Amino acid sequence: MNSPEPQIVVFSCHWCCYQIADLSGAAQSQYSPDIKVNIVSCSGRVGIIDLMRAFENGADGVLVFGCLEDQCHHQNGSLFAKRRVAYVQSLLRGIGLGEKRLEMYNLSPAAGPKPEEILNRMIEEVKKLGLSPVKRVGKP
């Protein structure tokens, strides 16, 4: 019997990474239904609570896609996101969930790794770690 696929939540910057997602769609790349993409106005708008809530709601892994640090549409948004991701990684490490369940990538629409390559790497990493033991028990 096959084990379930990991659930991955993606927070993707509208200004740089949404264009990449459009290009991937044009190339007919298909994402698993277990991947939930949230387009945000800037990766800097993704808060600590957003990242933690994704895990609380059952995500096995979370990715944040932001602009290249020196090309951020909102100047410092990518730097803010990078700091928040690092902080939440330390929290995940502290509670024994594993910091590798959360990653941030700075991407450019012009070059660099493709989002689907990054997603595939994240899925493989989460499979090594195992599905998250954190699942939301009930709604508040």
N, C-alpha and C. Protein backbone atom coordinates (compact mmCIF):
# COMPACT_ATOMS: atom_id res chain seq x y z
N MET A 1 0.84 -1.18 0.00
CA MET A 1 0.00 0.00 0.00
C MET A 1 0.88 1.25 0.00
N ASN A 2 0.57 2.21 -0.84
CA ASN A 2 1.35 3.43 -0.93
C ASN A 2 1.06 4.34 0.25
N SER A 3 2.13 4.99 0.74
CA SER A 3 1.92 5.95 1.81
C SER A 3 1.40 7.24 1.18
N PRO A 4 0.65 8.03 1.96
CA PRO A 4 0.10 9.28 1.40
C PRO A 4 1.22 10.24 1.03
N GLU A 5 0.92 11.06 0.04
CA GLU A 5 1.89 12.07 -0.38
C GLU A 5 1.93 13.19 0.65
N PRO A 6 3.11 13.77 0.85
CA PRO A 6 3.21 14.88 1.80
C PRO A 6 2.41 16.08 1.33
N GLN A 7 1.82 16.77 2.30
CA GLN A 7 1.13 18.02 2.00
C GLN A 7 2.13 19.16 2.14
N ILE A 8 2.27 19.93 1.07
CA ILE A 8 3.22 21.03 1.04
C ILE A 8 2.44 22.33 0.84
N VAL A 9 2.73 23.31 1.68
CA VAL A 9 2.13 24.64 1.54
C VAL A 9 3.21 25.57 1.01
N VAL A 10 2.86 26.33 -0.02
CA VAL A 10 3.79 27.27 -0.64
C VAL A 10 3.26 28.68 -0.48
N PHE A 11 4.10 29.57 0.01
CA PHE A 11 3.82 31.00 0.02
C PHE A 11 4.71 31.60 -1.06
N SER A 12 4.10 32.14 -2.10
CA SER A 12 4.85 32.59 -3.27
C SER A 12 4.63 34.07 -3.51
N CYS A 13 5.71 34.80 -3.64
CA CYS A 13 5.66 36.24 -3.93
C CYS A 13 5.02 36.48 -5.30
N HIS A 14 4.09 37.39 -5.33
CA HIS A 14 3.40 37.73 -6.57
C HIS A 14 4.36 38.34 -7.60
N TRP A 15 5.28 39.15 -7.15
CA TRP A 15 6.09 39.95 -8.07
C TRP A 15 7.13 39.15 -8.82
N CYS A 16 7.69 38.14 -8.22
CA CYS A 16 8.73 37.41 -8.94
C CYS A 16 8.32 35.96 -9.20
N CYS A 17 7.70 35.35 -8.26
CA CYS A 17 7.49 33.91 -8.35
C CYS A 17 6.17 33.53 -8.99
N TYR A 18 5.20 34.40 -8.94
CA TYR A 18 3.93 34.09 -9.59
C TYR A 18 4.14 33.99 -11.09
N GLN A 19 5.02 34.82 -11.62
CA GLN A 19 5.34 34.75 -13.04
C GLN A 19 5.97 33.39 -13.37
N ILE A 20 6.80 32.91 -12.47
CA ILE A 20 7.42 31.61 -12.68
C ILE A 20 6.36 30.52 -12.68
N ALA A 21 5.40 30.62 -11.76
CA ALA A 21 4.32 29.63 -11.72
C ALA A 21 3.51 29.68 -13.01
N ASP A 22 3.27 30.86 -13.54
CA ASP A 22 2.57 30.98 -14.82
C ASP A 22 3.34 30.29 -15.94
N LEU A 23 4.66 30.49 -15.95
CA LEU A 23 5.47 29.85 -16.97
C LEU A 23 5.44 28.34 -16.83
N SER A 24 5.46 27.85 -15.60
CA SER A 24 5.38 26.41 -15.37
C SER A 24 4.06 25.87 -15.86
N GLY A 25 2.99 26.64 -15.65
CA GLY A 25 1.68 26.23 -16.14
C GLY A 25 1.64 26.20 -17.65
N ALA A 26 2.30 27.18 -18.28
CA ALA A 26 2.34 27.21 -19.74
C ALA A 26 3.12 26.01 -20.28
N ALA A 27 4.08 25.55 -19.49
CA ALA A 27 4.85 24.36 -19.89
C ALA A 27 4.11 23.08 -19.52
N GLN A 28 2.91 23.21 -19.01
CA GLN A 28 2.03 22.12 -18.64
C GLN A 28 2.62 21.25 -17.52
N SER A 29 3.37 21.88 -16.61
CA SER A 29 3.82 21.16 -15.43
C SER A 29 2.61 20.97 -14.53
N GLN A 30 2.49 19.80 -13.98
CA GLN A 30 1.34 19.55 -13.12
C GLN A 30 1.82 19.34 -11.69
N TYR A 31 1.18 20.08 -10.78
CA TYR A 31 1.48 19.93 -9.37
C TYR A 31 0.50 18.98 -8.75
N SER A 32 0.95 18.29 -7.75
CA SER A 32 0.08 17.39 -6.99
C SER A 32 -1.01 18.19 -6.29
N PRO A 33 -2.19 17.60 -6.10
CA PRO A 33 -3.23 18.30 -5.34
C PRO A 33 -2.85 18.47 -3.87
N ASP A 34 -1.77 17.82 -3.44
CA ASP A 34 -1.30 17.95 -2.07
C ASP A 34 -0.42 19.18 -1.88
N ILE A 35 -0.25 19.96 -2.95
CA ILE A 35 0.53 21.19 -2.87
C ILE A 35 -0.45 22.36 -2.93
N LYS A 36 -0.44 23.16 -1.88
CA LYS A 36 -1.33 24.33 -1.78
C LYS A 36 -0.49 25.58 -1.97
N VAL A 37 -0.78 26.35 -3.02
CA VAL A 37 -0.01 27.56 -3.32
C VAL A 37 -0.81 28.78 -2.89
N ASN A 38 -0.17 29.61 -2.08
CA ASN A 38 -0.74 30.88 -1.63
C ASN A 38 0.09 32.00 -2.24
N ILE A 39 -0.54 32.81 -3.07
CA ILE A 39 0.15 33.94 -3.67
C ILE A 39 0.03 35.12 -2.70
N VAL A 40 1.17 35.71 -2.35
CA VAL A 40 1.18 36.85 -1.43
C VAL A 40 1.78 38.05 -2.17
N SER A 41 1.44 39.25 -1.70
CA SER A 41 1.93 40.45 -2.37
C SER A 41 3.44 40.59 -2.25
N CYS A 42 4.01 40.00 -1.21
CA CYS A 42 5.46 40.03 -0.98
C CYS A 42 5.77 38.94 0.03
N SER A 43 6.88 38.26 -0.13
CA SER A 43 7.24 37.22 0.85
C SER A 43 7.40 37.83 2.25
N GLY A 44 7.71 39.13 2.30
CA GLY A 44 7.83 39.81 3.58
C GLY A 44 6.51 39.91 4.33
N ARG A 45 5.40 39.65 3.65
CA ARG A 45 4.08 39.68 4.30
C ARG A 45 3.75 38.35 4.98
N VAL A 46 4.55 37.33 4.76
CA VAL A 46 4.32 36.04 5.39
C VAL A 46 4.84 36.13 6.82
N GLY A 47 3.94 36.00 7.76
CA GLY A 47 4.30 36.15 9.16
C GLY A 47 4.62 34.82 9.83
N ILE A 48 5.18 34.92 11.00
CA ILE A 48 5.49 33.74 11.80
C ILE A 48 4.24 32.92 12.03
N ILE A 49 3.13 33.59 12.33
CA ILE A 49 1.88 32.88 12.60
C ILE A 49 1.40 32.15 11.35
N ASP A 50 1.60 32.73 10.16
CA ASP A 50 1.21 32.06 8.91
C ASP A 50 1.98 30.75 8.73
N LEU A 51 3.26 30.80 9.01
CA LEU A 51 4.10 29.62 8.85
C LEU A 51 3.71 28.54 9.86
N MET A 52 3.53 28.95 11.12
CA MET A 52 3.16 27.98 12.16
C MET A 52 1.75 27.42 11.92
N ARG A 53 0.84 28.28 11.48
CA ARG A 53 -0.52 27.83 11.23
C ARG A 53 -0.57 26.80 10.10
N ALA A 54 0.30 26.93 9.11
CA ALA A 54 0.34 25.94 8.03
C ALA A 54 0.65 24.56 8.60
N PHE A 55 1.58 24.49 9.55
CA PHE A 55 1.89 23.20 10.18
C PHE A 55 0.74 22.74 11.06
N GLU A 56 0.15 23.65 11.79
CA GLU A 56 -0.98 23.31 12.65
C GLU A 56 -2.13 22.74 11.82
N ASN A 57 -2.31 23.24 10.62
CA ASN A 57 -3.40 22.79 9.75
C ASN A 57 -3.05 21.55 8.94
N GLY A 58 -1.91 20.94 9.23
CA GLY A 58 -1.60 19.65 8.62
C GLY A 58 -0.52 19.62 7.57
N ALA A 59 0.16 20.73 7.31
CA ALA A 59 1.24 20.71 6.31
C ALA A 59 2.39 19.85 6.81
N ASP A 60 2.96 19.09 5.91
CA ASP A 60 4.15 18.30 6.22
C ASP A 60 5.42 19.09 5.90
N GLY A 61 5.29 20.06 5.02
CA GLY A 61 6.39 20.93 4.64
C GLY A 61 5.86 22.26 4.16
N VAL A 62 6.68 23.31 4.31
CA VAL A 62 6.28 24.65 3.89
C VAL A 62 7.45 25.27 3.13
N LEU A 63 7.12 25.88 1.99
CA LEU A 63 8.10 26.60 1.18
C LEU A 63 7.71 28.06 1.09
N VAL A 64 8.69 28.94 1.12
CA VAL A 64 8.47 30.36 0.89
C VAL A 64 9.33 30.74 -0.31
N PHE A 65 8.68 31.27 -1.35
CA PHE A 65 9.39 31.75 -2.54
C PHE A 65 9.37 33.27 -2.50
N GLY A 66 10.55 33.88 -2.54
CA GLY A 66 10.65 35.33 -2.54
C GLY A 66 11.58 35.81 -3.63
N CYS A 67 11.59 37.11 -3.80
CA CYS A 67 12.47 37.74 -4.79
C CYS A 67 13.93 37.58 -4.37
N LEU A 68 14.82 37.78 -5.33
CA LEU A 68 16.23 37.89 -4.99
C LEU A 68 16.36 39.08 -4.04
N GLU A 69 17.21 38.94 -3.03
CA GLU A 69 17.28 39.95 -1.98
C GLU A 69 17.56 41.35 -2.51
N ASP A 70 18.39 41.48 -3.51
CA ASP A 70 18.71 42.81 -4.04
C ASP A 70 17.75 43.26 -5.13
N GLN A 71 16.70 42.46 -5.40
CA GLN A 71 15.72 42.81 -6.43
C GLN A 71 14.29 42.77 -5.91
N CYS A 72 14.12 42.84 -4.60
CA CYS A 72 12.79 42.76 -4.00
C CYS A 72 11.96 43.98 -4.39
N HIS A 73 10.77 43.74 -4.87
CA HIS A 73 9.87 44.81 -5.29
C HIS A 73 9.53 45.74 -4.11
N HIS A 74 9.51 45.19 -2.92
CA HIS A 74 9.22 45.97 -1.71
C HIS A 74 10.49 46.23 -0.90
N GLN A 75 11.60 46.32 -1.54
CA GLN A 75 12.92 46.65 -1.01
C GLN A 75 13.46 45.60 -0.05
N ASN A 76 12.87 45.45 1.13
CA ASN A 76 13.43 44.55 2.15
C ASN A 76 12.55 43.36 2.47
N GLY A 77 11.50 43.14 1.71
CA GLY A 77 10.56 42.06 2.01
C GLY A 77 11.21 40.70 2.09
N SER A 78 12.10 40.40 1.15
CA SER A 78 12.77 39.11 1.15
C SER A 78 13.64 38.93 2.40
N LEU A 79 14.25 40.02 2.86
CA LEU A 79 15.07 39.93 4.07
C LEU A 79 14.20 39.68 5.30
N PHE A 80 13.04 40.34 5.37
CA PHE A 80 12.12 40.10 6.49
C PHE A 80 11.67 38.65 6.49
N ALA A 81 11.32 38.14 5.30
CA ALA A 81 10.87 36.75 5.20
C ALA A 81 11.99 35.79 5.61
N LYS A 82 13.20 36.07 5.19
CA LYS A 82 14.34 35.21 5.52
C LYS A 82 14.52 35.11 7.04
N ARG A 83 14.40 36.25 7.72
CA ARG A 83 14.54 36.25 9.18
C ARG A 83 13.42 35.46 9.85
N ARG A 84 12.21 35.63 9.36
CA ARG A 84 11.07 34.91 9.95
C ARG A 84 11.20 33.42 9.71
N VAL A 85 11.61 33.03 8.53
CA VAL A 85 11.79 31.61 8.23
C VAL A 85 12.86 31.02 9.15
N ALA A 86 13.97 31.73 9.32
CA ALA A 86 15.03 31.24 10.21
C ALA A 86 14.52 31.09 11.65
N TYR A 87 13.71 32.03 12.10
CA TYR A 87 13.16 31.96 13.45
C TYR A 87 12.24 30.75 13.60
N VAL A 88 11.35 30.56 12.64
CA VAL A 88 10.42 29.43 12.72
C VAL A 88 11.18 28.11 12.58
N GLN A 89 12.24 28.08 11.78
CA GLN A 89 13.06 26.87 11.70
C GLN A 89 13.63 26.53 13.08
N SER A 90 14.06 27.55 13.82
CA SER A 90 14.59 27.29 15.17
C SER A 90 13.49 26.76 16.09
N LEU A 91 12.26 27.27 15.93
CA LEU A 91 11.14 26.75 16.72
C LEU A 91 10.86 25.29 16.37
N LEU A 92 10.85 24.99 15.08
CA LEU A 92 10.59 23.61 14.64
C LEU A 92 11.66 22.65 15.16
N ARG A 93 12.90 23.12 15.14
CA ARG A 93 14.00 22.31 15.68
C ARG A 93 13.79 22.10 17.18
N GLY A 94 13.39 23.15 17.87
CA GLY A 94 13.20 23.08 19.32
C GLY A 94 12.08 22.15 19.75
N ILE A 95 11.04 22.03 18.94
CA ILE A 95 9.93 21.14 19.31
C ILE A 95 10.08 19.74 18.71
N GLY A 96 11.20 19.54 18.00
CA GLY A 96 11.48 18.21 17.47
C GLY A 96 10.79 17.89 16.15
N LEU A 97 10.25 18.87 15.49
CA LEU A 97 9.58 18.63 14.21
C LEU A 97 10.58 18.62 13.05
N GLY A 98 11.68 19.33 13.21
CA GLY A 98 12.71 19.35 12.18
C GLY A 98 12.65 20.61 11.34
N GLU A 99 13.75 21.37 11.33
CA GLU A 99 13.76 22.64 10.61
C GLU A 99 13.75 22.47 9.10
N LYS A 100 14.06 21.27 8.61
CA LYS A 100 14.08 21.06 7.16
C LYS A 100 12.69 20.97 6.56
N ARG A 101 11.67 21.01 7.40
CA ARG A 101 10.30 21.02 6.89
C ARG A 101 9.90 22.40 6.37
N LEU A 102 10.74 23.40 6.63
CA LEU A 102 10.48 24.76 6.20
C LEU A 102 11.72 25.28 5.47
N GLU A 103 11.52 25.77 4.26
CA GLU A 103 12.62 26.31 3.48
C GLU A 103 12.17 27.59 2.77
N MET A 104 13.15 28.45 2.51
CA MET A 104 12.89 29.65 1.73
C MET A 104 13.86 29.68 0.56
N TYR A 105 13.33 30.07 -0.60
CA TYR A 105 14.15 30.20 -1.79
C TYR A 105 13.91 31.57 -2.40
N ASN A 106 15.01 32.22 -2.77
CA ASN A 106 14.93 33.49 -3.48
C ASN A 106 15.09 33.17 -4.96
N LEU A 107 14.07 33.52 -5.72
CA LEU A 107 14.03 33.16 -7.13
C LEU A 107 13.93 34.38 -8.01
N SER A 108 14.31 34.20 -9.25
CA SER A 108 14.18 35.23 -10.27
C SER A 108 13.41 34.64 -11.44
N PRO A 109 12.50 35.39 -12.02
CA PRO A 109 11.79 34.87 -13.19
C PRO A 109 12.74 34.60 -14.35
N ALA A 110 13.91 35.25 -14.35
CA ALA A 110 14.82 35.13 -15.49
C ALA A 110 15.73 33.90 -15.42
N ALA A 111 16.07 33.45 -14.23
CA ALA A 111 17.05 32.36 -14.13
C ALA A 111 16.94 31.65 -12.79
N GLY A 112 17.70 30.59 -12.67
CA GLY A 112 17.76 29.87 -11.40
C GLY A 112 16.92 28.61 -11.41
N PRO A 113 16.81 27.98 -10.25
CA PRO A 113 16.06 26.72 -10.19
C PRO A 113 14.58 26.95 -10.46
N LYS A 114 13.95 25.94 -10.99
CA LYS A 114 12.53 26.02 -11.29
C LYS A 114 11.73 25.61 -10.05
N PRO A 115 10.57 26.25 -9.84
CA PRO A 115 9.77 25.91 -8.67
C PRO A 115 9.44 24.43 -8.57
N GLU A 116 9.18 23.78 -9.70
CA GLU A 116 8.83 22.36 -9.63
C GLU A 116 10.01 21.51 -9.16
N GLU A 117 11.25 21.91 -9.50
CA GLU A 117 12.43 21.21 -9.00
C GLU A 117 12.54 21.36 -7.49
N ILE A 118 12.29 22.57 -7.02
CA ILE A 118 12.35 22.83 -5.58
C ILE A 118 11.26 22.06 -4.85
N LEU A 119 10.05 22.05 -5.42
CA LEU A 119 8.95 21.29 -4.82
C LEU A 119 9.29 19.80 -4.75
N ASN A 120 9.85 19.28 -5.81
CA ASN A 120 10.22 17.86 -5.80
C ASN A 120 11.28 17.55 -4.75
N ARG A 121 12.25 18.46 -4.59
CA ARG A 121 13.27 18.26 -3.53
C ARG A 121 12.62 18.30 -2.16
N MET A 122 11.68 19.24 -1.96
CA MET A 122 11.00 19.34 -0.66
C MET A 122 10.19 18.08 -0.38
N ILE A 123 9.49 17.58 -1.38
CA ILE A 123 8.71 16.36 -1.19
C ILE A 123 9.62 15.21 -0.79
N GLU A 124 10.76 15.07 -1.44
CA GLU A 124 11.70 14.00 -1.10
C GLU A 124 12.25 14.17 0.32
N GLU A 125 12.55 15.42 0.70
CA GLU A 125 13.04 15.69 2.05
C GLU A 125 12.01 15.32 3.10
N VAL A 126 10.76 15.70 2.86
CA VAL A 126 9.69 15.40 3.81
C VAL A 126 9.45 13.90 3.89
N LYS A 127 9.57 13.21 2.77
CA LYS A 127 9.42 11.74 2.80
C LYS A 127 10.48 11.10 3.68
N LYS A 128 11.71 11.65 3.63
CA LYS A 128 12.79 11.15 4.50
C LYS A 128 12.44 11.39 5.97
N LEU A 129 11.89 12.59 6.26
CA LEU A 129 11.55 12.95 7.63
C LEU A 129 10.30 12.21 8.12
N GLY A 130 9.44 11.84 7.19
CA GLY A 130 8.15 11.25 7.54
C GLY A 130 7.09 12.34 7.60
N LEU A 131 5.85 11.92 7.49
CA LEU A 131 4.76 12.88 7.55
C LEU A 131 4.74 13.55 8.92
N SER A 132 4.25 14.75 8.97
CA SER A 132 4.22 15.53 10.21
C SER A 132 3.31 14.89 11.25
N PRO A 133 3.77 14.81 12.48
CA PRO A 133 2.91 14.30 13.54
C PRO A 133 1.90 15.35 14.02
N VAL A 134 2.06 16.58 13.53
CA VAL A 134 1.18 17.66 13.95
C VAL A 134 0.01 17.73 12.99
N LYS A 135 -1.15 17.50 13.49
CA LYS A 135 -2.37 17.64 12.70
C LYS A 135 -3.38 18.38 13.56
N ARG A 136 -4.11 19.23 12.93
CA ARG A 136 -5.12 19.99 13.66
C ARG A 136 -6.21 19.07 14.13
N VAL A 137 -6.48 19.05 15.42
CA VAL A 137 -7.45 18.14 16.01
C VAL A 137 -8.88 18.63 15.78
N GLY A 138 -9.12 19.88 15.98
CA GLY A 138 -10.46 20.43 15.80
C GLY A 138 -10.39 21.90 15.50
N LYS A 139 -11.49 22.44 15.07
CA LYS A 139 -11.51 23.86 14.77
C LYS A 139 -11.86 24.63 16.03
N PRO A 140 -11.27 25.84 16.19
CA PRO A 140 -11.53 26.63 17.39
C PRO A 140 -12.97 27.09 17.46
